[in-house]
Amino acid sequence: MKVLIIEDEYSLADAIAETLKTEKFNVVIKTDGEWGEDEALTENYDLILLDVMLATKNGFDILKTLVQEKIKTPVIID
């Protein structure tokens, strides 16, 4: 399973990623809203973990774009 983490708190993103990796998930971390949105739009993921409060683009705006672009990947918002 491939998981995208969009989270600007490095320590939190790393902790989540390490936990998922121990369960054999493939994990990609993006620490900026715009980078995360680009990644979600151009690559295929099984799950996106999305922070709401991000530096350049907030999680709600990213989610809105994903819906508009018909990205069907499940998203968990924190």
PDB file of N, CA and C in Angstrom:
ATOM      1  N   MET A   1       0.838  -1.174   0.000  1.00  0.00           N
ATOM      2  CA  MET A   1       0.000   0.000   0.000  1.00  0.00           C
ATOM      3  C   MET A   1       0.887   1.242   0.000  1.00  0.00           C
ATOM      4  N   LYS A   2       0.546   2.205  -0.815  1.00  0.00           N
ATOM      5  CA  LYS A   2       1.323   3.430  -0.948  1.00  0.00           C
ATOM      6  C   LYS A   2       0.563   4.587  -0.294  1.00  0.00           C
ATOM      7  N   VAL A   3       1.232   5.275   0.640  1.00  0.00           N
ATOM      8  CA  VAL A   3       0.607   6.328   1.428  1.00  0.00           C
ATOM      9  C   VAL A   3       1.358   7.639   1.225  1.00  0.00           C
ATOM     10  N   LEU A   4       0.597   8.709   0.998  1.00  0.00           N
ATOM     11  CA  LEU A   4       1.153  10.051   0.923  1.00  0.00           C
ATOM     12  C   LEU A   4       0.815  10.781   2.215  1.00  0.00           C
ATOM     13  N   ILE A   5       1.843  11.307   2.880  1.00  0.00           N
ATOM     14  CA  ILE A   5       1.648  12.116   4.073  1.00  0.00           C
ATOM     15  C   ILE A   5       1.952  13.562   3.700  1.00  0.00           C
ATOM     16  N   ILE A   6       0.964  14.431   3.872  1.00  0.00           N
ATOM     17  CA  ILE A   6       1.162  15.866   3.652  1.00  0.00           C
ATOM     18  C   ILE A   6       1.067  16.523   5.020  1.00  0.00           C
ATOM     19  N   GLU A   7       2.207  16.818   5.592  1.00  0.00           N
ATOM     20  CA  GLU A   7       2.309  17.298   6.968  1.00  0.00           C
ATOM     21  C   GLU A   7       3.541  18.176   7.098  1.00  0.00           C
ATOM     22  N   ASP A   8       3.372  19.381   7.653  1.00  0.00           N
ATOM     23  CA  ASP A   8       4.510  20.299   7.750  1.00  0.00           C
ATOM     24  C   ASP A   8       5.298  20.189   9.048  1.00  0.00           C
ATOM     25  N   GLU A   9       4.823  19.403   9.992  1.00  0.00           N
ATOM     26  CA  GLU A   9       5.604  19.144  11.207  1.00  0.00           C
ATOM     27  C   GLU A   9       6.477  17.925  10.937  1.00  0.00           C
ATOM     28  N   TYR A  10       7.766  18.184  10.746  1.00  0.00           N
ATOM     29  CA  TYR A  10       8.689  17.118  10.337  1.00  0.00           C
ATOM     30  C   TYR A  10       8.684  15.938  11.299  1.00  0.00           C
ATOM     31  N   SER A  11       8.730  16.205  12.600  1.00  0.00           N
ATOM     32  CA  SER A  11       8.813  15.118  13.578  1.00  0.00           C
ATOM     33  C   SER A  11       7.552  14.259  13.552  1.00  0.00           C
ATOM     34  N   LEU A  12       6.400  14.871  13.393  1.00  0.00           N
ATOM     35  CA  LEU A  12       5.148  14.118  13.318  1.00  0.00           C
ATOM     36  C   LEU A  12       5.088  13.292  12.037  1.00  0.00           C
ATOM     37  N   ALA A  13       5.453  13.907  10.919  1.00  0.00           N
ATOM     38  CA  ALA A  13       5.454  13.183   9.643  1.00  0.00           C
ATOM     39  C   ALA A  13       6.401  11.984   9.697  1.00  0.00           C
ATOM     40  N   ASP A  14       7.584  12.188  10.261  1.00  0.00           N
ATOM     41  CA  ASP A  14       8.550  11.088  10.378  1.00  0.00           C
ATOM     42  C   ASP A  14       8.036   9.978  11.288  1.00  0.00           C
ATOM     43  N   ALA A  15       7.403  10.343  12.398  1.00  0.00           N
ATOM     44  CA  ALA A  15       6.881   9.338  13.322  1.00  0.00           C
ATOM     45  C   ALA A  15       5.787   8.500  12.671  1.00  0.00           C
ATOM     46  N   ILE A  16       4.886   9.153  11.974  1.00  0.00           N
ATOM     47  CA  ILE A  16       3.822   8.424  11.267  1.00  0.00           C
ATOM     48  C   ILE A  16       4.428   7.526  10.193  1.00  0.00           C
ATOM     49  N   ALA A  17       5.361   8.062   9.428  1.00  0.00           N
ATOM     50  CA  ALA A  17       5.991   7.293   8.351  1.00  0.00           C
ATOM     51  C   ALA A  17       6.714   6.069   8.900  1.00  0.00           C
ATOM     52  N   GLU A  18       7.449   6.235   9.969  1.00  0.00           N
ATOM     53  CA  GLU A  18       8.188   5.098  10.537  1.00  0.00           C
ATOM     54  C   GLU A  18       7.235   4.007  11.014  1.00  0.00           C
ATOM     55  N   THR A  19       6.130   4.396  11.618  1.00  0.00           N
ATOM     56  CA  THR A  19       5.136   3.410  12.056  1.00  0.00           C
ATOM     57  C   THR A  19       4.553   2.666  10.863  1.00  0.00           C
ATOM     58  N   LEU A  20       4.212   3.387   9.823  1.00  0.00           N
ATOM     59  CA  LEU A  20       3.656   2.746   8.629  1.00  0.00           C
ATOM     60  C   LEU A  20       4.687   1.847   7.940  1.00  0.00           C
ATOM     61  N   LYS A  21       5.925   2.281   7.922  1.00  0.00           N
ATOM     62  CA  LYS A  21       6.976   1.482   7.278  1.00  0.00           C
ATOM     63  C   LYS A  21       7.197   0.156   7.999  1.00  0.00           C
ATOM     64  N   THR A  22       7.033   0.127   9.317  1.00  0.00           N
ATOM     65  CA  THR A  22       7.189  -1.140  10.045  1.00  0.00           C
ATOM     66  C   THR A  22       6.105  -2.139   9.650  1.00  0.00           C
ATOM     67  N   GLU A  23       5.006  -1.621   9.122  1.00  0.00           N
ATOM     68  CA  GLU A  23       3.916  -2.478   8.641  1.00  0.00           C
ATOM     69  C   GLU A  23       3.998  -2.710   7.133  1.00  0.00           C
ATOM     70  N   LYS A  24       5.144  -2.352   6.541  1.00  0.00           N
ATOM     71  CA  LYS A  24       5.440  -2.593   5.128  1.00  0.00           C
ATOM     72  C   LYS A  24       4.697  -1.680   4.149  1.00  0.00           C
ATOM     73  N   PHE A  25       4.258  -0.502   4.609  1.00  0.00           N
ATOM     74  CA  PHE A  25       3.667   0.485   3.715  1.00  0.00           C
ATOM     75  C   PHE A  25       4.781   1.248   3.010  1.00  0.00           C
ATOM     76  N   ASN A  26       4.537   1.647   1.776  1.00  0.00           N
ATOM     77  CA  ASN A  26       5.428   2.572   1.075  1.00  0.00           C
ATOM     78  C   ASN A  26       4.925   3.976   1.389  1.00  0.00           C
ATOM     79  N   VAL A  27       5.810   4.835   1.871  1.00  0.00           N
ATOM     80  CA  VAL A  27       5.396   6.149   2.354  1.00  0.00           C
ATOM     81  C   VAL A  27       6.181   7.254   1.658  1.00  0.00           C
ATOM     82  N   VAL A  28       5.461   8.299   1.244  1.00  0.00           N
ATOM     83  CA  VAL A  28       6.065   9.508   0.707  1.00  0.00           C
ATOM     84  C   VAL A  28       5.591  10.654   1.584  1.00  0.00           C
ATOM     85  N   ILE A  29       6.528  11.524   1.978  1.00  0.00           N
ATOM     86  CA  ILE A  29       6.201  12.689   2.806  1.00  0.00           C
ATOM     87  C   ILE A  29       6.415  13.954   1.997  1.00  0.00           C
ATOM     88  N   LYS A  30       5.442  14.840   2.062  1.00  0.00           N
ATOM     89  CA  LYS A  30       5.567  16.186   1.511  1.00  0.00           C
ATOM     90  C   LYS A  30       5.252  17.158   2.647  1.00  0.00           C
ATOM     91  N   THR A  31       6.152  18.111   2.878  1.00  0.00           N
ATOM     92  CA  THR A  31       6.017  19.009   4.026  1.00  0.00           C
ATOM     93  C   THR A  31       5.496  20.393   3.642  1.00  0.00           C
ATOM     94  N   ASP A  32       4.990  20.519   2.453  1.00  0.00           N
ATOM     95  CA  ASP A  32       4.472  21.788   1.950  1.00  0.00           C
ATOM     96  C   ASP A  32       3.158  21.503   1.221  1.00  0.00           C
ATOM     97  N   GLY A  33       2.168  22.360   1.429  1.00  0.00           N
ATOM     98  CA  GLY A  33       0.862  22.130   0.819  1.00  0.00           C
ATOM     99  C   GLY A  33       0.881  22.050  -0.687  1.00  0.00           C
ATOM    100  N   GLU A  34       1.589  22.967  -1.326  1.00  0.00           N
ATOM    101  CA  GLU A  34       1.633  22.959  -2.795  1.00  0.00           C
ATOM    102  C   GLU A  34       2.351  21.725  -3.321  1.00  0.00           C
ATOM    103  N   TRP A  35       3.459  21.357  -2.678  1.00  0.00           N
ATOM    104  CA  TRP A  35       4.184  20.143  -3.101  1.00  0.00           C
ATOM    105  C   TRP A  35       3.302  18.912  -2.910  1.00  0.00           C
ATOM    106  N   GLY A  36       2.614  18.867  -1.778  1.00  0.00           N
ATOM    107  CA  GLY A  36       1.741  17.735  -1.502  1.00  0.00           C
ATOM    108  C   GLY A  36       0.611  17.624  -2.498  1.00  0.00           C
ATOM    109  N   GLU A  37       0.013  18.752  -2.828  1.00  0.00           N
ATOM    110  CA  GLU A  37      -1.064  18.750  -3.812  1.00  0.00           C
ATOM    111  C   GLU A  37      -0.551  18.267  -5.165  1.00  0.00           C
ATOM    112  N   ASP A  38       0.585  18.772  -5.600  1.00  0.00           N
ATOM    113  CA  ASP A  38       1.172  18.327  -6.871  1.00  0.00           C
ATOM    114  C   ASP A  38       1.413  16.824  -6.864  1.00  0.00           C
ATOM    115  N   GLU A  39       1.941  16.324  -5.766  1.00  0.00           N
ATOM    116  CA  GLU A  39       2.222  14.887  -5.643  1.00  0.00           C
ATOM    117  C   GLU A  39       0.925  14.080  -5.729  1.00  0.00           C
ATOM    118  N   ALA A  40      -0.099  14.526  -5.021  1.00  0.00           N
ATOM    119  CA  ALA A  40      -1.377  13.813  -5.008  1.00  0.00           C
ATOM    120  C   ALA A  40      -2.042  13.813  -6.381  1.00  0.00           C
ATOM    121  N   LEU A  41      -1.808  14.858  -7.144  1.00  0.00           N
ATOM    122  CA  LEU A  41      -2.413  14.957  -8.475  1.00  0.00           C
ATOM    123  C   LEU A  41      -1.646  14.194  -9.549  1.00  0.00           C
ATOM    124  N   THR A  42      -0.360  13.942  -9.329  1.00  0.00           N
ATOM    125  CA  THR A  42       0.449  13.325 -10.382  1.00  0.00           C
ATOM    126  C   THR A  42       0.821  11.866 -10.121  1.00  0.00           C
ATOM    127  N   GLU A  43       0.705  11.421  -8.887  1.00  0.00           N
ATOM    128  CA  GLU A  43       1.050  10.038  -8.553  1.00  0.00           C
ATOM    129  C   GLU A  43      -0.173   9.314  -8.003  1.00  0.00           C
ATOM    130  N   ASN A  44      -0.150   7.993  -8.049  1.00  0.00           N
ATOM    131  CA  ASN A  44      -1.252   7.182  -7.520  1.00  0.00           C
ATOM    132  C   ASN A  44      -0.927   6.721  -6.103  1.00  0.00           C
ATOM    133  N   TYR A  45      -1.860   6.949  -5.194  1.00  0.00           N
ATOM    134  CA  TYR A  45      -1.711   6.535  -3.794  1.00  0.00           C
ATOM    135  C   TYR A  45      -2.946   5.768  -3.368  1.00  0.00           C
ATOM    136  N   ASP A  46      -2.755   4.899  -2.382  1.00  0.00           N
ATOM    137  CA  ASP A  46      -3.876   4.159  -1.800  1.00  0.00           C
ATOM    138  C   ASP A  46      -4.536   4.948  -0.680  1.00  0.00           C
ATOM    139  N   LEU A  47      -3.791   5.888  -0.084  1.00  0.00           N
ATOM    140  CA  LEU A  47      -4.301   6.687   1.022  1.00  0.00           C
ATOM    141  C   LEU A  47      -3.498   7.976   1.117  1.00  0.00           C
ATOM    142  N   ILE A  48      -4.180   9.071   1.466  1.00  0.00           N
ATOM    143  CA  ILE A  48      -3.511  10.346   1.717  1.00  0.00           C
ATOM    144  C   ILE A  48      -3.831  10.771   3.135  1.00  0.00           C
ATOM    145  N   LEU A  49      -2.795  11.045   3.925  1.00  0.00           N
ATOM    146  CA  LEU A  49      -2.951  11.616   5.260  1.00  0.00           C
ATOM    147  C   LEU A  49      -2.656  13.102   5.121  1.00  0.00           C
ATOM    148  N   LEU A  50      -3.636  13.936   5.398  1.00  0.00           N
ATOM    149  CA  LEU A  50      -3.571  15.354   5.061  1.00  0.00           C
ATOM    150  C   LEU A  50      -3.751  16.230   6.290  1.00  0.00           C
ATOM    151  N   ASP A  51      -2.759  17.052   6.565  1.00  0.00           N
ATOM    152  CA  ASP A  51      -2.843  18.049   7.635  1.00  0.00           C
ATOM    153  C   ASP A  51      -3.677  19.223   7.130  1.00  0.00           C
ATOM    154  N   VAL A  52      -4.449  19.846   8.016  1.00  0.00           N
ATOM    155  CA  VAL A  52      -5.259  21.000   7.626  1.00  0.00           C
ATOM    156  C   VAL A  52      -4.426  22.274   7.587  1.00  0.00           C
ATOM    157  N   MET A  53      -3.623  22.486   8.599  1.00  0.00           N
ATOM    158  CA  MET A  53      -2.862  23.728   8.745  1.00  0.00           C
ATOM    159  C   MET A  53      -1.485  23.564   8.101  1.00  0.00           C
ATOM    160  N   LEU A  54      -1.370  23.948   6.848  1.00  0.00           N
ATOM    161  CA  LEU A  54      -0.110  23.847   6.122  1.00  0.00           C
ATOM    162  C   LEU A  54       0.373  25.231   5.716  1.00  0.00           C
ATOM    163  N   ALA A  55       1.645  25.320   5.425  1.00  0.00           N
ATOM    164  CA  ALA A  55       2.279  26.612   5.150  1.00  0.00           C
ATOM    165  C   ALA A  55       1.749  27.306   3.890  1.00  0.00           C
ATOM    166  N   THR A  56       1.858  26.709   2.747  1.00  0.00           N
ATOM    167  CA  THR A  56       1.568  27.428   1.502  1.00  0.00           C
ATOM    168  C   THR A  56       0.144  27.230   0.992  1.00  0.00           C
ATOM    169  N   LYS A  57      -0.464  26.114   1.328  1.00  0.00           N
ATOM    170  CA  LYS A  57      -1.837  25.841   0.896  1.00  0.00           C
ATOM    171  C   LYS A  57      -2.477  24.940   1.936  1.00  0.00           C
ATOM    172  N   ASN A  58      -3.622  25.342   2.473  1.00  0.00           N
ATOM    173  CA  ASN A  58      -4.195  24.546   3.566  1.00  0.00           C
ATOM    174  C   ASN A  58      -4.854  23.265   3.059  1.00  0.00           C
ATOM    175  N   GLY A  59      -5.058  22.349   3.980  1.00  0.00           N
ATOM    176  CA  GLY A  59      -5.583  21.035   3.643  1.00  0.00           C
ATOM    177  C   GLY A  59      -6.964  21.053   3.027  1.00  0.00           C
ATOM    178  N   PHE A  60      -7.824  21.991   3.458  1.00  0.00           N
ATOM    179  CA  PHE A  60      -9.162  22.066   2.878  1.00  0.00           C
ATOM    180  C   PHE A  60      -9.108  22.468   1.403  1.00  0.00           C
ATOM    181  N   ASP A  61      -8.211  23.382   1.065  1.00  0.00           N
ATOM    182  CA  ASP A  61      -8.057  23.776  -0.340  1.00  0.00           C
ATOM    183  C   ASP A  61      -7.498  22.624  -1.176  1.00  0.00           C
ATOM    184  N   ILE A  62      -6.567  21.882  -0.593  1.00  0.00           N
ATOM    185  CA  ILE A  62      -6.026  20.711  -1.295  1.00  0.00           C
ATOM    186  C   ILE A  62      -7.130  19.688  -1.533  1.00  0.00           C
ATOM    187  N   LEU A  63      -7.916  19.419  -0.509  1.00  0.00           N
ATOM    188  CA  LEU A  63      -9.008  18.454  -0.640  1.00  0.00           C
ATOM    189  C   LEU A  63     -10.004  18.900  -1.709  1.00  0.00           C
ATOM    190  N   LYS A  64     -10.324  20.172  -1.734  1.00  0.00           N
ATOM    191  CA  LYS A  64     -11.237  20.713  -2.746  1.00  0.00           C
ATOM    192  C   LYS A  64     -10.695  20.464  -4.155  1.00  0.00           C
ATOM    193  N   THR A  65      -9.390  20.701  -4.342  1.00  0.00           N
ATOM    194  CA  THR A  65      -8.765  20.463  -5.644  1.00  0.00           C
ATOM    195  C   THR A  65      -8.821  18.984  -6.013  1.00  0.00           C
ATOM    196  N   LEU A  66      -8.548  18.108  -5.056  1.00  0.00           N
ATOM    197  CA  LEU A  66      -8.582  16.666  -5.326  1.00  0.00           C
ATOM    198  C   LEU A  66      -9.982  16.229  -5.762  1.00  0.00           C
ATOM    199  N   VAL A  67     -10.999  16.754  -5.115  1.00  0.00           N
ATOM    200  CA  VAL A  67     -12.376  16.424  -5.490  1.00  0.00           C
ATOM    201  C   VAL A  67     -12.684  16.953  -6.888  1.00  0.00           C
ATOM    202  N   GLN A  68     -12.290  18.194  -7.162  1.00  0.00           N
ATOM    203  CA  GLN A  68     -12.538  18.782  -8.487  1.00  0.00           C
ATOM    204  C   GLN A  68     -11.843  17.995  -9.587  1.00  0.00           C
ATOM    205  N   GLU A  69     -10.668  17.466  -9.284  1.00  0.00           N
ATOM    206  CA  GLU A  69      -9.907  16.694 -10.276  1.00  0.00           C
ATOM    207  C   GLU A  69     -10.298  15.219 -10.293  1.00  0.00           C
ATOM    208  N   LYS A  70     -11.317  14.879  -9.513  1.00  0.00           N
ATOM    209  CA  LYS A  70     -11.861  13.520  -9.457  1.00  0.00           C
ATOM    210  C   LYS A  70     -10.855  12.475  -8.985  1.00  0.00           C
ATOM    211  N   ILE A  71      -9.979  12.883  -8.074  1.00  0.00           N
ATOM    212  CA  ILE A  71      -9.049  11.943  -7.450  1.00  0.00           C
ATOM    213  C   ILE A  71      -9.848  11.128  -6.432  1.00  0.00           C
ATOM    214  N   LYS A  72      -9.847   9.824  -6.576  1.00  0.00           N
ATOM    215  CA  LYS A  72     -10.679   8.947  -5.751  1.00  0.00           C
ATOM    216  C   LYS A  72      -9.946   8.371  -4.540  1.00  0.00           C
ATOM    217  N   THR A  73      -8.713   8.763  -4.337  1.00  0.00           N
ATOM    218  CA  THR A  73      -7.922   8.253  -3.216  1.00  0.00           C
ATOM    219  C   THR A  73      -8.565   8.671  -1.890  1.00  0.00           C
ATOM    220  N   PRO A  74      -8.741   7.729  -0.957  1.00  0.00           N
ATOM    221  CA  PRO A  74      -9.261   8.100   0.358  1.00  0.00           C
ATOM    222  C   PRO A  74      -8.313   9.078   1.058  1.00  0.00           C
ATOM    223  N   VAL A  75      -8.897  10.051   1.767  1.00  0.00           N
ATOM    224  CA  VAL A  75      -8.118  11.067   2.460  1.00  0.00           C
ATOM    225  C   VAL A  75      -8.538  11.090   3.924  1.00  0.00           C
ATOM    226  N   ILE A  76      -7.544  11.043   4.803  1.00  0.00           N
ATOM    227  CA  ILE A  76      -7.778  11.232   6.235  1.00  0.00           C
ATOM    228  C   ILE A  76      -7.228  12.596   6.586  1.00  0.00           C
ATOM    229  N   ILE A  77      -8.080  13.456   7.143  1.00  0.00           N
ATOM    230  CA  ILE A  77      -7.663  14.826   7.468  1.00  0.00           C
ATOM    231  C   ILE A  77      -7.426  14.933   8.963  1.00  0.00           C
ATOM    232  N   ASP A  78      -6.327  15.632   9.286  1.00  0.00           N
ATOM    233  CA  ASP A  78      -5.999  15.872  10.698  1.00  0.00           C
ATOM    234  C   ASP A  78      -5.777  17.345  10.896  1.00  0.00           C
TER     235      ASP A  78
END
